[in-house]
């Protein structure tokens, strides 16, 4: 096999055929690798969808189509996405229908302070203590005071509410992207 492979693809019996064979082999190899990669990606997505579906309670109202397609994780995941896009029973802190009329009326000065501090990685873990800079690359386990509650409060991400309100108030993307 090795001799045939070597002769067919790499031994130049005639230069023109040699180049054609190399080009054919190269194209075949690229195509083969792309097919393998695509199959692996599809399998990976299917496995991820299967794991996600196994962790959800699919007995709720509106999830019937997701539940019916559990044997096909790809379709079930598409149905789940469709469910999330169409549901309307979620209570948001701000009525999305009032976006234009509520601009500039949502966030308080405290919200602005909290959101701007969060952009600078300055957080209040426990309200009993002053704000603390948690590093350029935020250290979520930092303990500026000998109180575990500080870390627990920090990781509850209470600043997200303020950032959401300030984003809604200003429309400034920096609060949404942070």
N, C-alpha and C. Protein backbone atom coordinates (compact mmCIF):
# COMPACT_ATOMS: atom_id res chain seq x y z
N UNK A 1 0.84 -1.20 0.00
CA UNK A 1 0.00 0.00 0.00
C UNK A 1 0.87 1.25 0.00
N UNK A 2 1.88 1.27 0.85
CA UNK A 2 2.74 2.44 0.95
C UNK A 2 3.45 2.73 -0.36
N UNK A 3 3.92 1.69 -1.06
CA UNK A 3 4.61 1.87 -2.32
C UNK A 3 3.66 2.43 -3.37
N UNK A 4 2.43 1.90 -3.43
CA UNK A 4 1.43 2.40 -4.39
C UNK A 4 1.13 3.88 -4.11
N UNK A 5 0.88 4.18 -2.86
CA UNK A 5 0.57 5.55 -2.46
C UNK A 5 1.71 6.49 -2.84
N UNK A 6 2.93 6.06 -2.50
CA UNK A 6 4.10 6.89 -2.78
C UNK A 6 4.29 7.09 -4.28
N UNK A 7 4.14 6.02 -5.06
CA UNK A 7 4.31 6.11 -6.51
C UNK A 7 3.22 6.96 -7.15
N UNK A 8 2.00 6.73 -6.72
CA UNK A 8 0.87 7.41 -7.37
C UNK A 8 0.89 8.91 -7.09
N UNK A 9 1.17 9.30 -5.88
CA UNK A 9 1.06 10.70 -5.51
C UNK A 9 2.38 11.47 -5.55
N UNK A 10 3.50 10.79 -5.38
CA UNK A 10 4.73 11.56 -5.19
C UNK A 10 5.84 11.25 -6.20
N UNK A 11 5.74 10.22 -7.00
CA UNK A 11 6.80 9.90 -7.95
C UNK A 11 6.46 10.53 -9.30
N UNK A 12 7.28 11.44 -9.76
CA UNK A 12 6.99 12.14 -11.01
C UNK A 12 7.34 11.33 -12.25
N UNK A 13 6.42 10.45 -12.70
CA UNK A 13 6.66 9.73 -13.95
C UNK A 13 6.57 10.70 -15.12
N UNK A 14 5.59 11.59 -15.07
CA UNK A 14 5.47 12.64 -16.06
C UNK A 14 5.13 13.90 -15.29
N UNK A 15 5.82 15.00 -15.48
CA UNK A 15 5.61 16.21 -14.67
C UNK A 15 4.18 16.72 -14.66
N UNK A 16 3.49 16.71 -15.79
CA UNK A 16 2.13 17.25 -15.84
C UNK A 16 1.20 16.42 -14.95
N UNK A 17 1.28 15.11 -15.03
CA UNK A 17 0.43 14.24 -14.22
C UNK A 17 0.80 14.33 -12.75
N UNK A 18 2.08 14.52 -12.53
CA UNK A 18 2.55 14.65 -11.15
C UNK A 18 1.89 15.85 -10.46
N UNK A 19 1.86 16.98 -11.13
CA UNK A 19 1.25 18.19 -10.57
C UNK A 19 -0.26 18.00 -10.41
N UNK A 20 -0.91 17.40 -11.39
CA UNK A 20 -2.35 17.15 -11.30
C UNK A 20 -2.68 16.23 -10.12
N UNK A 21 -1.84 15.21 -9.94
CA UNK A 21 -2.07 14.29 -8.83
C UNK A 21 -1.92 15.00 -7.49
N UNK A 22 -0.89 15.84 -7.39
CA UNK A 22 -0.68 16.57 -6.14
C UNK A 22 -1.85 17.51 -5.86
N UNK A 23 -2.32 18.20 -6.87
CA UNK A 23 -3.46 19.11 -6.70
C UNK A 23 -4.70 18.32 -6.30
N UNK A 24 -4.94 17.19 -6.97
CA UNK A 24 -6.08 16.35 -6.63
C UNK A 24 -5.98 15.85 -5.19
N UNK A 25 -4.80 15.37 -4.82
CA UNK A 25 -4.60 14.87 -3.46
C UNK A 25 -4.83 15.97 -2.42
N UNK A 26 -4.30 17.16 -2.69
CA UNK A 26 -4.46 18.29 -1.78
C UNK A 26 -5.94 18.66 -1.63
N UNK A 27 -6.66 18.75 -2.75
CA UNK A 27 -8.10 19.09 -2.71
C UNK A 27 -8.88 18.01 -1.97
N UNK A 28 -8.56 16.75 -2.23
CA UNK A 28 -9.22 15.65 -1.57
C UNK A 28 -8.98 15.71 -0.06
N UNK A 29 -7.77 15.99 0.33
CA UNK A 29 -7.41 16.07 1.75
C UNK A 29 -8.17 17.21 2.44
N UNK A 30 -8.23 18.38 1.81
CA UNK A 30 -8.95 19.52 2.37
C UNK A 30 -10.44 19.18 2.52
N UNK A 31 -11.02 18.61 1.48
CA UNK A 31 -12.44 18.23 1.52
C UNK A 31 -12.70 17.23 2.64
N UNK A 32 -11.83 16.24 2.76
CA UNK A 32 -11.98 15.23 3.80
C UNK A 32 -11.92 15.86 5.19
N UNK A 33 -10.97 16.76 5.41
CA UNK A 33 -10.84 17.42 6.70
C UNK A 33 -12.04 18.31 7.01
N UNK A 34 -12.56 18.99 6.01
CA UNK A 34 -13.75 19.83 6.22
C UNK A 34 -14.97 18.98 6.59
N UNK A 35 -15.11 17.85 5.94
CA UNK A 35 -16.23 16.96 6.25
C UNK A 35 -16.11 16.44 7.68
N UNK A 36 -14.91 16.03 8.06
CA UNK A 36 -14.70 15.53 9.42
C UNK A 36 -14.99 16.63 10.44
N UNK A 37 -14.50 17.85 10.18
CA UNK A 37 -14.71 18.96 11.11
C UNK A 37 -16.21 19.27 11.23
N UNK A 38 -16.92 19.32 10.10
CA UNK A 38 -18.36 19.60 10.12
C UNK A 38 -19.13 18.55 10.90
N UNK A 39 -18.76 17.29 10.71
CA UNK A 39 -19.41 16.20 11.44
C UNK A 39 -19.14 16.32 12.92
N UNK A 40 -17.91 16.65 13.27
CA UNK A 40 -17.56 16.79 14.68
C UNK A 40 -18.31 17.95 15.31
N UNK A 41 -18.43 19.07 14.58
CA UNK A 41 -19.16 20.22 15.12
C UNK A 41 -20.63 19.88 15.31
N UNK A 42 -21.23 19.24 14.32
CA UNK A 42 -22.63 18.86 14.41
C UNK A 42 -22.85 17.93 15.60
N UNK A 43 -21.95 16.94 15.74
CA UNK A 43 -22.07 16.01 16.87
C UNK A 43 -21.92 16.75 18.19
N UNK A 44 -20.98 17.68 18.24
CA UNK A 44 -20.75 18.44 19.46
C UNK A 44 -21.99 19.26 19.82
N UNK A 45 -22.59 19.93 18.83
CA UNK A 45 -23.79 20.71 19.08
C UNK A 45 -24.94 19.82 19.52
N UNK A 46 -25.05 18.67 18.90
CA UNK A 46 -26.10 17.73 19.26
C UNK A 46 -25.92 17.23 20.69
N UNK A 47 -24.70 16.95 21.07
CA UNK A 47 -24.41 16.50 22.43
C UNK A 47 -24.72 17.61 23.43
N UNK A 48 -24.31 18.85 23.09
CA UNK A 48 -24.58 19.96 23.98
C UNK A 48 -26.09 20.19 24.13
N UNK A 49 -26.83 20.08 23.02
CA UNK A 49 -28.28 20.25 23.09
C UNK A 49 -28.89 19.15 23.94
N UNK A 50 -28.39 17.93 23.80
CA UNK A 50 -28.90 16.81 24.57
C UNK A 50 -28.66 17.03 26.07
N UNK A 51 -27.48 17.54 26.42
CA UNK A 51 -27.16 17.81 27.83
C UNK A 51 -28.09 18.90 28.36
N UNK A 52 -28.26 19.97 27.58
CA UNK A 52 -29.14 21.06 27.99
C UNK A 52 -30.56 20.55 28.22
N UNK A 53 -31.09 19.79 27.27
CA UNK A 53 -32.46 19.29 27.38
C UNK A 53 -32.63 18.35 28.57
N UNK A 54 -31.59 17.59 28.89
CA UNK A 54 -31.69 16.66 30.02
C UNK A 54 -31.77 17.39 31.35
N UNK A 55 -31.34 18.64 31.37
CA UNK A 55 -31.32 19.41 32.62
C UNK A 55 -32.54 20.30 32.80
N UNK A 56 -33.43 20.33 31.83
CA UNK A 56 -34.60 21.20 31.90
C UNK A 56 -35.85 20.40 32.23
N UNK A 57 -36.76 21.04 32.94
CA UNK A 57 -38.07 20.45 33.18
C UNK A 57 -38.95 20.88 32.01
N UNK A 58 -39.23 19.96 31.12
CA UNK A 58 -39.95 20.28 29.89
C UNK A 58 -41.44 20.01 29.99
N UNK A 59 -41.96 19.99 31.20
CA UNK A 59 -43.38 19.71 31.39
C UNK A 59 -44.20 20.99 31.46
N UNK A 60 -43.54 22.13 31.39
CA UNK A 60 -44.25 23.41 31.52
C UNK A 60 -45.09 23.76 30.30
N UNK A 61 -45.97 24.71 30.51
CA UNK A 61 -46.85 25.16 29.44
C UNK A 61 -46.03 25.82 28.33
N UNK A 62 -46.31 25.43 27.09
CA UNK A 62 -45.61 25.98 25.93
C UNK A 62 -44.39 25.18 25.51
N UNK A 63 -44.03 24.18 26.31
CA UNK A 63 -42.84 23.38 26.00
C UNK A 63 -43.19 22.01 25.42
N UNK A 64 -44.43 21.85 25.02
CA UNK A 64 -44.88 20.55 24.51
C UNK A 64 -44.07 20.10 23.30
N UNK A 65 -43.83 21.02 22.35
CA UNK A 65 -43.09 20.64 21.13
C UNK A 65 -41.64 20.29 21.45
N UNK A 66 -41.07 20.95 22.43
CA UNK A 66 -39.70 20.63 22.84
C UNK A 66 -39.68 19.22 23.41
N UNK A 67 -40.62 18.93 24.29
CA UNK A 67 -40.69 17.63 24.93
C UNK A 67 -40.92 16.51 23.91
N UNK A 68 -41.77 16.77 22.92
CA UNK A 68 -42.08 15.76 21.89
C UNK A 68 -40.87 15.44 21.02
N UNK A 69 -39.93 16.37 20.90
CA UNK A 69 -38.78 16.18 20.02
C UNK A 69 -37.49 15.86 20.79
N UNK A 70 -37.61 15.39 22.01
CA UNK A 70 -36.41 15.09 22.81
C UNK A 70 -35.52 14.04 22.17
N UNK A 71 -36.08 13.15 21.37
CA UNK A 71 -35.26 12.12 20.72
C UNK A 71 -34.42 12.71 19.58
N UNK A 72 -34.72 13.92 19.16
CA UNK A 72 -33.92 14.62 18.15
C UNK A 72 -33.47 15.94 18.77
N UNK A 73 -32.32 15.96 19.43
CA UNK A 73 -31.88 17.14 20.18
C UNK A 73 -31.78 18.41 19.35
N UNK A 74 -31.42 18.29 18.08
CA UNK A 74 -31.28 19.48 17.23
C UNK A 74 -32.64 20.16 17.04
N UNK A 75 -33.65 19.39 16.72
CA UNK A 75 -35.00 19.95 16.54
C UNK A 75 -35.54 20.46 17.87
N UNK A 76 -35.31 19.69 18.93
CA UNK A 76 -35.79 20.10 20.26
C UNK A 76 -35.15 21.43 20.67
N UNK A 77 -33.87 21.60 20.38
CA UNK A 77 -33.19 22.86 20.71
C UNK A 77 -33.77 24.02 19.90
N UNK A 78 -34.10 23.77 18.65
CA UNK A 78 -34.72 24.81 17.82
C UNK A 78 -36.09 25.19 18.38
N UNK A 79 -36.86 24.20 18.80
CA UNK A 79 -38.17 24.46 19.39
C UNK A 79 -38.04 25.22 20.71
N UNK A 80 -37.01 24.91 21.49
CA UNK A 80 -36.77 25.61 22.75
C UNK A 80 -36.44 27.08 22.48
N UNK A 81 -35.60 27.32 21.50
CA UNK A 81 -35.26 28.69 21.14
C UNK A 81 -36.51 29.45 20.68
N UNK A 82 -37.33 28.78 19.89
CA UNK A 82 -38.58 29.37 19.42
C UNK A 82 -39.49 29.72 20.61
N UNK A 83 -39.55 28.82 21.60
CA UNK A 83 -40.35 29.06 22.81
C UNK A 83 -39.86 30.32 23.53
N UNK A 84 -38.54 30.43 23.73
CA UNK A 84 -37.99 31.59 24.44
C UNK A 84 -38.23 32.88 23.68
N UNK A 85 -38.19 32.82 22.37
CA UNK A 85 -38.41 34.02 21.56
C UNK A 85 -39.87 34.48 21.61
N UNK A 86 -40.80 33.56 21.75
CA UNK A 86 -42.22 33.90 21.68
C UNK A 86 -42.91 34.07 23.02
N UNK A 87 -42.30 33.65 24.10
CA UNK A 87 -42.99 33.74 25.39
C UNK A 87 -43.20 35.21 25.77
N UNK A 88 -44.28 35.45 26.46
CA UNK A 88 -44.59 36.83 26.84
C UNK A 88 -45.05 36.94 28.29
N UNK A 89 -44.85 35.91 29.06
CA UNK A 89 -45.29 35.93 30.46
C UNK A 89 -44.15 36.31 31.41
N UNK A 90 -43.05 36.79 30.87
CA UNK A 90 -41.92 37.17 31.71
C UNK A 90 -42.12 38.60 32.18
N UNK A 91 -41.99 38.81 33.48
CA UNK A 91 -42.14 40.15 34.03
C UNK A 91 -40.78 40.82 34.12
N UNK A 92 -40.56 41.81 33.28
CA UNK A 92 -39.31 42.56 33.29
C UNK A 92 -39.45 43.75 34.24
N UNK A 93 -38.36 44.17 34.85
CA UNK A 93 -38.44 45.32 35.76
C UNK A 93 -38.89 46.60 35.04
N UNK A 94 -38.66 46.66 33.73
CA UNK A 94 -39.03 47.82 32.94
C UNK A 94 -39.92 47.34 31.80
N UNK A 95 -41.03 47.99 31.59
CA UNK A 95 -41.95 47.63 30.51
C UNK A 95 -41.31 47.98 29.17
N UNK A 96 -41.02 46.98 28.36
CA UNK A 96 -40.35 47.19 27.08
C UNK A 96 -41.17 48.03 26.12
N UNK A 97 -42.46 48.08 26.30
CA UNK A 97 -43.30 48.89 25.42
C UNK A 97 -43.15 50.38 25.69
N UNK A 98 -42.56 50.71 26.83
CA UNK A 98 -42.41 52.12 27.19
C UNK A 98 -40.98 52.63 26.98
N UNK A 99 -40.24 51.98 26.07
CA UNK A 99 -38.82 52.33 25.91
C UNK A 99 -38.62 53.80 25.55
N UNK A 100 -39.38 54.33 24.62
CA UNK A 100 -39.15 55.71 24.21
C UNK A 100 -39.61 56.70 25.28
N UNK A 101 -40.74 56.44 25.90
CA UNK A 101 -41.24 57.37 26.90
C UNK A 101 -40.48 57.30 28.22
N UNK A 102 -39.76 56.20 28.46
CA UNK A 102 -39.05 56.06 29.72
C UNK A 102 -37.58 56.48 29.63
N UNK A 103 -37.08 56.76 28.43
CA UNK A 103 -35.69 57.20 28.30
C UNK A 103 -35.43 58.40 29.19
N UNK A 104 -34.36 58.34 29.95
CA UNK A 104 -33.98 59.44 30.81
C UNK A 104 -34.73 59.50 32.13
N UNK A 105 -35.59 58.50 32.41
CA UNK A 105 -36.40 58.54 33.63
C UNK A 105 -36.25 57.29 34.49
N UNK A 106 -35.31 56.43 34.17
CA UNK A 106 -35.25 55.12 34.82
C UNK A 106 -34.21 55.06 35.94
N UNK A 107 -32.99 55.50 35.67
CA UNK A 107 -31.89 55.31 36.62
C UNK A 107 -31.75 56.48 37.58
N UNK A 108 -31.42 56.12 38.82
CA UNK A 108 -31.17 57.15 39.84
C UNK A 108 -29.67 57.50 39.85
N UNK A 109 -29.32 58.50 40.64
CA UNK A 109 -27.90 58.86 40.77
C UNK A 109 -27.11 57.69 41.35
N UNK A 110 -27.71 56.98 42.29
CA UNK A 110 -27.06 55.81 42.90
C UNK A 110 -26.80 54.73 41.84
N UNK A 111 -27.78 54.54 40.93
CA UNK A 111 -27.60 53.57 39.85
C UNK A 111 -26.43 53.97 38.96
N UNK A 112 -26.34 55.25 38.63
CA UNK A 112 -25.23 55.74 37.81
C UNK A 112 -23.89 55.50 38.50
N UNK A 113 -23.84 55.79 39.79
CA UNK A 113 -22.60 55.61 40.54
C UNK A 113 -22.19 54.13 40.55
N UNK A 114 -23.14 53.26 40.83
CA UNK A 114 -22.86 51.82 40.89
C UNK A 114 -22.42 51.30 39.52
N UNK A 115 -23.13 51.70 38.46
CA UNK A 115 -22.80 51.23 37.10
C UNK A 115 -21.44 51.74 36.65
N UNK A 116 -21.16 53.00 36.89
CA UNK A 116 -19.86 53.55 36.49
C UNK A 116 -18.73 52.94 37.28
N UNK A 117 -18.95 52.67 38.56
CA UNK A 117 -17.94 51.98 39.36
C UNK A 117 -17.71 50.56 38.83
N UNK A 118 -18.78 49.87 38.45
CA UNK A 118 -18.64 48.51 37.93
C UNK A 118 -17.82 48.51 36.64
N UNK A 119 -17.99 49.52 35.80
CA UNK A 119 -17.19 49.62 34.58
C UNK A 119 -15.70 49.76 34.91
N UNK A 120 -15.40 50.34 36.06
CA UNK A 120 -14.01 50.52 36.50
C UNK A 120 -13.54 49.38 37.41
N UNK A 121 -14.38 48.35 37.56
CA UNK A 121 -14.11 47.18 38.41
C UNK A 121 -14.03 47.56 39.89
N UNK A 122 -14.82 48.55 40.27
CA UNK A 122 -14.93 48.94 41.67
C UNK A 122 -16.29 48.49 42.16
N UNK A 123 -16.29 47.63 43.18
CA UNK A 123 -17.54 47.03 43.63
C UNK A 123 -17.73 47.19 45.13
N UNK A 124 -19.01 47.14 45.52
CA UNK A 124 -19.37 47.08 46.93
C UNK A 124 -19.86 45.66 47.17
N UNK A 125 -19.04 44.87 47.84
CA UNK A 125 -19.44 43.51 48.12
C UNK A 125 -20.48 43.49 49.22
N UNK A 126 -20.16 44.07 50.32
CA UNK A 126 -21.06 44.15 51.48
C UNK A 126 -21.29 45.63 51.75
N UNK A 127 -22.54 46.09 51.77
CA UNK A 127 -22.82 47.52 51.96
C UNK A 127 -22.21 48.14 53.22
N UNK A 128 -21.86 47.34 54.19
CA UNK A 128 -21.26 47.87 55.41
C UNK A 128 -19.83 48.34 55.18
N UNK A 129 -19.23 47.96 54.03
CA UNK A 129 -17.84 48.30 53.73
C UNK A 129 -17.77 49.23 52.52
N UNK A 130 -16.67 49.97 52.37
CA UNK A 130 -16.54 50.89 51.24
C UNK A 130 -16.29 50.13 49.93
N UNK A 131 -16.48 50.81 48.79
CA UNK A 131 -16.19 50.18 47.49
C UNK A 131 -14.73 49.75 47.40
N UNK A 132 -14.48 48.73 46.58
CA UNK A 132 -13.14 48.17 46.47
C UNK A 132 -12.84 47.85 45.01
N UNK A 133 -11.62 48.22 44.54
CA UNK A 133 -11.16 47.89 43.19
C UNK A 133 -10.73 46.43 43.18
N UNK A 134 -11.35 45.63 42.29
CA UNK A 134 -11.10 44.19 42.27
C UNK A 134 -10.09 43.76 41.21
N UNK A 135 -9.34 44.70 40.65
CA UNK A 135 -8.28 44.37 39.69
C UNK A 135 -8.71 44.56 38.25
N UNK A 136 -7.73 44.72 37.37
CA UNK A 136 -8.02 44.87 35.94
C UNK A 136 -8.73 43.63 35.41
N UNK A 137 -8.25 42.47 35.81
CA UNK A 137 -8.94 41.21 35.53
C UNK A 137 -9.61 40.84 36.84
N UNK A 138 -10.90 41.03 36.92
CA UNK A 138 -11.63 40.95 38.19
C UNK A 138 -11.37 39.63 38.92
N UNK A 139 -10.97 39.75 40.16
CA UNK A 139 -10.77 38.59 41.03
C UNK A 139 -12.05 38.43 41.85
N UNK A 140 -12.89 37.49 41.44
CA UNK A 140 -14.19 37.30 42.08
C UNK A 140 -14.08 36.67 43.45
N UNK A 141 -12.90 36.24 43.83
CA UNK A 141 -12.72 35.64 45.14
C UNK A 141 -11.98 36.56 46.10
N UNK A 142 -11.76 37.79 45.68
CA UNK A 142 -11.00 38.72 46.52
C UNK A 142 -11.72 39.01 47.83
N UNK A 143 -10.93 39.18 48.89
CA UNK A 143 -11.48 39.46 50.23
C UNK A 143 -10.75 40.68 50.81
N UNK A 144 -11.24 41.89 50.49
CA UNK A 144 -10.57 43.07 51.03
C UNK A 144 -10.79 43.25 52.53
N UNK A 145 -11.78 42.55 53.05
CA UNK A 145 -12.06 42.59 54.49
C UNK A 145 -12.21 41.14 54.97
N UNK A 146 -11.97 40.88 56.24
CA UNK A 146 -12.07 39.50 56.73
C UNK A 146 -13.52 39.07 56.98
N UNK A 147 -14.35 39.22 55.96
CA UNK A 147 -15.77 38.90 56.11
C UNK A 147 -16.21 38.15 54.86
N UNK A 148 -16.56 36.88 55.01
CA UNK A 148 -16.99 36.08 53.86
C UNK A 148 -18.21 36.68 53.16
N UNK A 149 -19.03 37.35 53.91
CA UNK A 149 -20.24 37.95 53.34
C UNK A 149 -19.89 38.92 52.21
N UNK A 150 -18.75 39.58 52.30
CA UNK A 150 -18.33 40.52 51.25
C UNK A 150 -18.23 39.80 49.91
N UNK A 151 -17.58 38.66 49.89
CA UNK A 151 -17.41 37.88 48.65
C UNK A 151 -18.75 37.34 48.18
N UNK A 152 -19.55 36.87 49.09
CA UNK A 152 -20.85 36.32 48.72
C UNK A 152 -21.72 37.39 48.08
N UNK A 153 -21.72 38.58 48.66
CA UNK A 153 -22.52 39.68 48.11
C UNK A 153 -21.97 40.12 46.74
N UNK A 154 -20.66 40.17 46.61
CA UNK A 154 -20.04 40.54 45.33
C UNK A 154 -20.50 39.61 44.23
N UNK A 155 -20.50 38.32 44.52
CA UNK A 155 -20.85 37.32 43.50
C UNK A 155 -22.36 37.20 43.26
N UNK A 156 -23.14 37.97 43.98
CA UNK A 156 -24.58 38.03 43.68
C UNK A 156 -24.85 39.04 42.57
N UNK A 157 -23.82 39.75 42.14
CA UNK A 157 -23.86 40.66 40.99
C UNK A 157 -24.96 41.72 41.10
N UNK A 158 -25.12 42.30 42.25
CA UNK A 158 -26.17 43.30 42.44
C UNK A 158 -26.00 44.52 41.54
N UNK A 159 -24.80 44.75 41.05
CA UNK A 159 -24.54 45.89 40.16
C UNK A 159 -25.17 45.71 38.79
N UNK A 160 -25.57 44.48 38.42
CA UNK A 160 -26.19 44.27 37.11
C UNK A 160 -27.49 45.06 36.98
N UNK A 161 -28.28 45.11 38.03
CA UNK A 161 -29.53 45.89 37.97
C UNK A 161 -29.23 47.35 37.63
N UNK A 162 -28.24 47.91 38.31
CA UNK A 162 -27.89 49.32 38.07
C UNK A 162 -27.40 49.51 36.64
N UNK A 163 -26.58 48.58 36.15
CA UNK A 163 -26.08 48.71 34.78
C UNK A 163 -27.21 48.60 33.76
N UNK A 164 -28.16 47.72 34.02
CA UNK A 164 -29.31 47.60 33.13
C UNK A 164 -30.15 48.86 33.11
N UNK A 165 -30.39 49.42 34.27
CA UNK A 165 -31.19 50.65 34.36
C UNK A 165 -30.48 51.82 33.67
N UNK A 166 -29.17 51.94 33.91
CA UNK A 166 -28.43 53.04 33.29
C UNK A 166 -28.37 52.86 31.78
N UNK A 167 -28.23 51.63 31.32
CA UNK A 167 -28.26 51.37 29.87
C UNK A 167 -29.61 51.78 29.29
N UNK A 168 -30.69 51.38 29.96
CA UNK A 168 -32.03 51.72 29.50
C UNK A 168 -32.22 53.25 29.51
N UNK A 169 -31.71 53.88 30.52
CA UNK A 169 -31.83 55.32 30.72
C UNK A 169 -31.08 56.09 29.63
N UNK A 170 -29.86 55.63 29.29
CA UNK A 170 -28.99 56.38 28.38
C UNK A 170 -28.91 55.80 26.97
N UNK A 171 -29.10 54.48 26.87
CA UNK A 171 -28.90 53.83 25.57
C UNK A 171 -27.42 53.65 25.24
N UNK A 172 -26.53 53.93 26.18
CA UNK A 172 -25.09 53.82 25.96
C UNK A 172 -24.67 52.35 26.02
N UNK A 173 -24.14 51.84 24.93
CA UNK A 173 -23.78 50.43 24.80
C UNK A 173 -22.70 49.97 25.79
N UNK A 174 -21.92 50.89 26.32
CA UNK A 174 -20.85 50.45 27.23
C UNK A 174 -21.41 49.73 28.45
N UNK A 175 -22.63 50.07 28.85
CA UNK A 175 -23.23 49.41 30.00
C UNK A 175 -23.76 48.02 29.63
N UNK A 176 -24.14 47.85 28.40
CA UNK A 176 -24.66 46.55 27.96
C UNK A 176 -23.51 45.60 27.64
N UNK A 177 -22.41 46.11 27.15
CA UNK A 177 -21.29 45.26 26.74
C UNK A 177 -20.36 44.86 27.87
N UNK A 178 -20.43 45.57 28.98
CA UNK A 178 -19.49 45.33 30.08
C UNK A 178 -19.70 43.97 30.71
